[in-house]
Amino acid sequence: MHIKKGDMVTVLSGDDKGKKGKVAKVMPKRGLAVVEGVNMKKKHRRANREGKRGQVIDIALPIRVSKLAISGGNK
């Protein structure tokens, strides 16, 4: 796999085409990588205790490595 944790990458295709970010996690067997600020989705969290409020958080989902290219300024 040509992408490693900590690399700066650019998205080549999809909704986030052209965005740049740092690789947070790599899953080589599945061919996926998690990039900070790319492929962000909203997750609704239930209140875990009575009196606490639920919340909506943004999480970065994995993206296929074939859609990524290493950009300048590694690490």
Protein backbone atom coordinates (compact mmCIF):
# COMPACT_ATOMS: atom_id res chain seq x y z
CA MET A 1 0.00 0.00 0.00
CA HIS A 2 1.38 3.39 -0.98
CA ILE A 3 -0.35 5.40 1.76
CA LYS A 4 0.75 5.38 5.39
CA LYS A 5 -0.50 6.94 8.60
CA GLY A 6 0.54 10.60 8.82
CA ASP A 7 0.77 11.21 5.04
CA MET A 8 -0.90 14.27 3.51
CA VAL A 9 -3.27 13.12 0.76
CA THR A 10 -5.61 14.62 -1.84
CA VAL A 11 -8.97 13.08 -2.77
CA LEU A 12 -9.15 12.29 -6.50
CA SER A 13 -12.85 11.47 -6.91
CA GLY A 14 -16.19 11.54 -5.12
CA ASP A 15 -18.06 14.19 -3.14
CA ASP A 16 -14.86 15.39 -1.45
CA LYS A 17 -12.82 15.67 -4.67
CA GLY A 18 -9.92 18.09 -4.26
CA LYS A 19 -9.92 18.12 -0.46
CA LYS A 20 -6.65 17.55 1.37
CA GLY A 21 -6.08 15.97 4.75
CA LYS A 22 -3.83 13.91 6.98
CA VAL A 23 -4.25 10.13 7.16
CA ALA A 24 -5.38 9.15 10.66
CA LYS A 25 -5.75 5.38 10.19
CA VAL A 26 -5.01 2.81 7.46
CA MET A 27 -6.71 -0.56 6.92
CA PRO A 28 -4.51 -2.33 4.33
CA LYS A 29 -6.45 -5.61 4.18
CA ARG A 30 -9.64 -3.75 3.30
CA GLY A 31 -7.94 -1.09 1.14
CA LEU A 32 -9.33 1.78 3.20
CA ALA A 33 -7.98 4.84 4.98
CA VAL A 34 -9.48 7.40 7.36
CA VAL A 35 -8.53 10.97 6.44
CA GLU A 36 -9.13 13.91 8.79
CA GLY A 37 -11.79 16.27 7.43
CA VAL A 38 -12.75 14.01 4.50
CA ASN A 39 -15.90 11.85 4.16
CA MET A 40 -17.44 13.41 7.27
CA LYS A 41 -20.84 12.10 8.37
CA LYS A 42 -23.12 13.05 11.25
CA LYS A 43 -23.74 10.47 13.99
CA HIS A 44 -26.59 10.83 16.46
CA ARG A 45 -25.64 9.82 19.97
CA ARG A 46 -28.25 8.79 22.49
CA ALA A 47 -28.18 10.23 26.02
CA ASN A 48 -26.34 7.70 28.18
CA ARG A 49 -27.76 8.90 31.51
CA GLU A 50 -31.03 10.37 32.60
CA GLY A 51 -30.79 14.14 32.61
CA LYS A 52 -28.02 14.14 29.98
CA ARG A 53 -28.78 15.28 26.46
CA GLY A 54 -28.11 13.38 23.28
CA GLN A 55 -25.85 14.99 20.70
CA VAL A 56 -24.93 15.00 17.04
CA ILE A 57 -21.22 14.45 16.35
CA ASP A 58 -19.19 14.50 13.12
CA ILE A 59 -17.07 11.44 12.39
CA ALA A 60 -14.70 10.71 9.51
CA LEU A 61 -15.57 7.47 7.73
CA PRO A 62 -13.03 5.40 5.76
CA ILE A 63 -12.43 6.10 2.06
CA ARG A 64 -10.94 3.80 -0.58
CA VAL A 65 -7.18 4.16 -1.00
CA SER A 66 -7.60 4.12 -4.81
CA LYS A 67 -9.37 7.50 -4.52
CA LEU A 68 -6.38 9.07 -2.72
CA ALA A 69 -3.07 10.47 -3.93
CA ILE A 70 -0.14 11.57 -1.82
CA SER A 71 0.25 15.35 -1.94
CA GLY A 72 3.27 17.47 -1.09
CA GLY A 73 4.27 18.20 2.49
CA ASN A 74 4.30 14.72 4.01
CA LYS A 75 4.15 14.61 7.80
